[in-house]
């Protein structure tokens, strides 16, 4: 159960990081 929880947290963190990068690239492209 602990491993499942850690996997879920890891996936959520990865998605959050990817979303932040995509948003930054989107705003940069719009500004540029």
PDB file of N, CA and C in Angstrom:
ATOM      1  N   UNK A   1       0.843  -1.202   0.000  1.00  0.00           N
ATOM      2  CA  UNK A   1       0.000   0.000   0.000  1.00  0.00           C
ATOM      3  C   UNK A   1       0.876   1.249   0.000  1.00  0.00           C
ATOM      4  N   UNK A   2       2.001   1.157   0.721  1.00  0.00           N
ATOM      5  CA  UNK A   2       2.900   2.318   0.786  1.00  0.00           C
ATOM      6  C   UNK A   2       3.483   2.608  -0.594  1.00  0.00           C
ATOM      7  N   UNK A   3       3.888   1.543  -1.302  1.00  0.00           N
ATOM      8  CA  UNK A   3       4.469   1.737  -2.638  1.00  0.00           C
ATOM      9  C   UNK A   3       3.441   2.362  -3.571  1.00  0.00           C
ATOM     10  N   UNK A   4       2.177   1.941  -3.462  1.00  0.00           N
ATOM     11  CA  UNK A   4       1.128   2.486  -4.320  1.00  0.00           C
ATOM     12  C   UNK A   4       0.981   3.978  -4.064  1.00  0.00           C
ATOM     13  N   UNK A   5       1.001   4.365  -2.786  1.00  0.00           N
ATOM     14  CA  UNK A   5       0.876   5.786  -2.431  1.00  0.00           C
ATOM     15  C   UNK A   5       2.049   6.575  -2.989  1.00  0.00           C
ATOM     16  N   UNK A   6       3.258   6.029  -2.858  1.00  0.00           N
ATOM     17  CA  UNK A   6       4.449   6.730  -3.359  1.00  0.00           C
ATOM     18  C   UNK A   6       4.375   6.871  -4.875  1.00  0.00           C
ATOM     19  N   UNK A   7       3.898   5.838  -5.550  1.00  0.00           N
ATOM     20  CA  UNK A   7       3.781   5.900  -7.016  1.00  0.00           C
ATOM     21  C   UNK A   7       2.795   6.980  -7.430  1.00  0.00           C
ATOM     22  N   UNK A   8       1.673   7.073  -6.732  1.00  0.00           N
ATOM     23  CA  UNK A   8       0.659   8.087  -7.059  1.00  0.00           C
ATOM     24  C   UNK A   8       1.242   9.477  -6.860  1.00  0.00           C
ATOM     25  N   UNK A   9       1.944   9.683  -5.743  1.00  0.00           N
ATOM     26  CA  UNK A   9       2.550  10.993  -5.461  1.00  0.00           C
ATOM     27  C   UNK A   9       3.575  11.328  -6.539  1.00  0.00           C
ATOM     28  N   UNK A  10       4.389  10.339  -6.917  1.00  0.00           N
ATOM     29  CA  UNK A  10       5.420  10.564  -7.937  1.00  0.00           C
ATOM     30  C   UNK A  10       4.788  10.990  -9.259  1.00  0.00           C
ATOM     31  N   UNK A  11       3.708  10.323  -9.648  1.00  0.00           N
ATOM     32  CA  UNK A  11       3.031  10.648 -10.907  1.00  0.00           C
ATOM     33  C   UNK A  11       2.442  12.055 -10.845  1.00  0.00           C
ATOM     34  N   UNK A  12       1.821  12.406  -9.717  1.00  0.00           N
ATOM     35  CA  UNK A  12       1.220  13.740  -9.579  1.00  0.00           C
ATOM     36  C   UNK A  12       2.291  14.813  -9.671  1.00  0.00           C
ATOM     37  N   UNK A  13       3.438  14.579  -9.034  1.00  0.00           N
ATOM     38  CA  UNK A  13       4.530  15.560  -9.070  1.00  0.00           C
ATOM     39  C   UNK A  13       5.045  15.703 -10.500  1.00  0.00           C
ATOM     40  N   UNK A  14       5.201  14.582 -11.192  1.00  0.00           N
ATOM     41  CA  UNK A  14       5.700  14.625 -12.569  1.00  0.00           C
ATOM     42  C   UNK A  14       4.732  15.410 -13.459  1.00  0.00           C
ATOM     43  N   UNK A  15       3.439  15.160 -13.305  1.00  0.00           N
ATOM     44  CA  UNK A  15       2.436  15.872 -14.111  1.00  0.00           C
ATOM     45  C   UNK A  15       2.472  17.362 -13.798  1.00  0.00           C
ATOM     46  N   UNK A  16       2.634  17.710 -12.518  1.00  0.00           N
ATOM     47  CA  UNK A  16       2.676  19.121 -12.120  1.00  0.00           C
ATOM     48  C   UNK A  16       3.875  19.816 -12.753  1.00  0.00           C
ATOM     49  N   UNK A  17       5.034  19.146 -12.738  1.00  0.00           N
ATOM     50  CA  UNK A  17       6.251  19.738 -13.314  1.00  0.00           C
ATOM     51  C   UNK A  17       6.078  19.927 -14.823  1.00  0.00           C
ATOM     52  N   UNK A  18       5.538  18.914 -15.499  1.00  0.00           N
ATOM     53  CA  UNK A  18       5.335  19.009 -16.947  1.00  0.00           C
ATOM     54  C   UNK A  18       4.353  20.133 -17.266  1.00  0.00           C
ATOM     55  N   UNK A  19       3.294  20.252 -16.468  1.00  0.00           N
ATOM     56  CA  UNK A  19       2.299  21.308 -16.694  1.00  0.00           C
ATOM     57  C   UNK A  19       2.948  22.676 -16.542  1.00  0.00           C
ATOM     58  N   UNK A  20       3.799  22.833 -15.526  1.00  0.00           N
ATOM     59  CA  UNK A  20       4.470  24.120 -15.306  1.00  0.00           C
ATOM     60  C   UNK A  20       5.358  24.466 -16.494  1.00  0.00           C
ATOM     61  N   UNK A  21       6.110  23.477 -16.996  1.00  0.00           N
ATOM     62  CA  UNK A  21       7.010  23.715 -18.129  1.00  0.00           C
ATOM     63  C   UNK A  21       6.205  24.094 -19.373  1.00  0.00           C
ATOM     64  N   UNK A  22       5.111  23.371 -19.617  1.00  0.00           N
ATOM     65  CA  UNK A  22       4.291  23.661 -20.796  1.00  0.00           C
ATOM     66  C   UNK A  22       3.688  25.057 -20.693  1.00  0.00           C
ATOM     67  N   UNK A  23       3.236  25.443 -19.505  1.00  0.00           N
ATOM     68  CA  UNK A  23       2.650  26.774 -19.316  1.00  0.00           C
ATOM     69  C   UNK A  23       3.703  27.853 -19.544  1.00  0.00           C
ATOM     70  N   UNK A  24       4.922  27.621 -19.035  1.00  0.00           N
ATOM     71  CA  UNK A  24       5.992  28.599 -19.212  1.00  0.00           C
ATOM     72  C   UNK A  24       6.333  28.736 -20.693  1.00  0.00           C
ATOM     73  N   UNK A  25       6.394  27.622 -21.409  1.00  0.00           N
ATOM     74  CA  UNK A  25       6.697  27.664 -22.845  1.00  0.00           C
ATOM     75  C   UNK A  25       5.573  28.374 -23.589  1.00  0.00           C
ATOM     76  N   UNK A  26       4.328  28.130 -23.186  1.00  0.00           N
ATOM     77  CA  UNK A  26       3.185  28.756 -23.841  1.00  0.00           C
ATOM     78  C   UNK A  26       3.220  30.268 -23.658  1.00  0.00           C
ATOM     79  N   UNK A  27       3.469  30.722 -22.421  1.00  0.00           N
ATOM     80  CA  UNK A  27       3.510  32.163 -22.167  1.00  0.00           C
ATOM     81  C   UNK A  27       4.707  32.778 -22.878  1.00  0.00           C
ATOM     82  N   UNK A  28       5.827  32.068 -22.922  1.00  0.00           N
ATOM     83  CA  UNK A  28       7.021  32.588 -23.596  1.00  0.00           C
ATOM     84  C   UNK A  28       6.763  32.731 -25.084  1.00  0.00           C
ATOM     85  N   UNK A  29       6.097  31.749 -25.679  1.00  0.00           N
ATOM     86  CA  UNK A  29       5.804  31.803 -27.109  1.00  0.00           C
ATOM     87  C   UNK A  29       4.822  32.940 -27.398  1.00  0.00           C
ATOM     88  N   UNK A  30       3.855  33.133 -26.515  1.00  0.00           N
ATOM     89  CA  UNK A  30       2.866  34.196 -26.715  1.00  0.00           C
ATOM     90  C   UNK A  30       3.544  35.561 -26.595  1.00  0.00           C
ATOM     91  N   UNK A  31       4.457  35.692 -25.634  1.00  0.00           N
ATOM     92  CA  UNK A  31       5.139  36.974 -25.427  1.00  0.00           C
ATOM     93  C   UNK A  31       6.112  37.233 -26.577  1.00  0.00           C
ATOM     94  N   UNK A  32       6.736  36.155 -27.070  1.00  0.00           N
ATOM     95  CA  UNK A  32       7.720  36.327 -28.130  1.00  0.00           C
ATOM     96  C   UNK A  32       7.041  36.573 -29.461  1.00  0.00           C
TER      97      UNK A  32
END
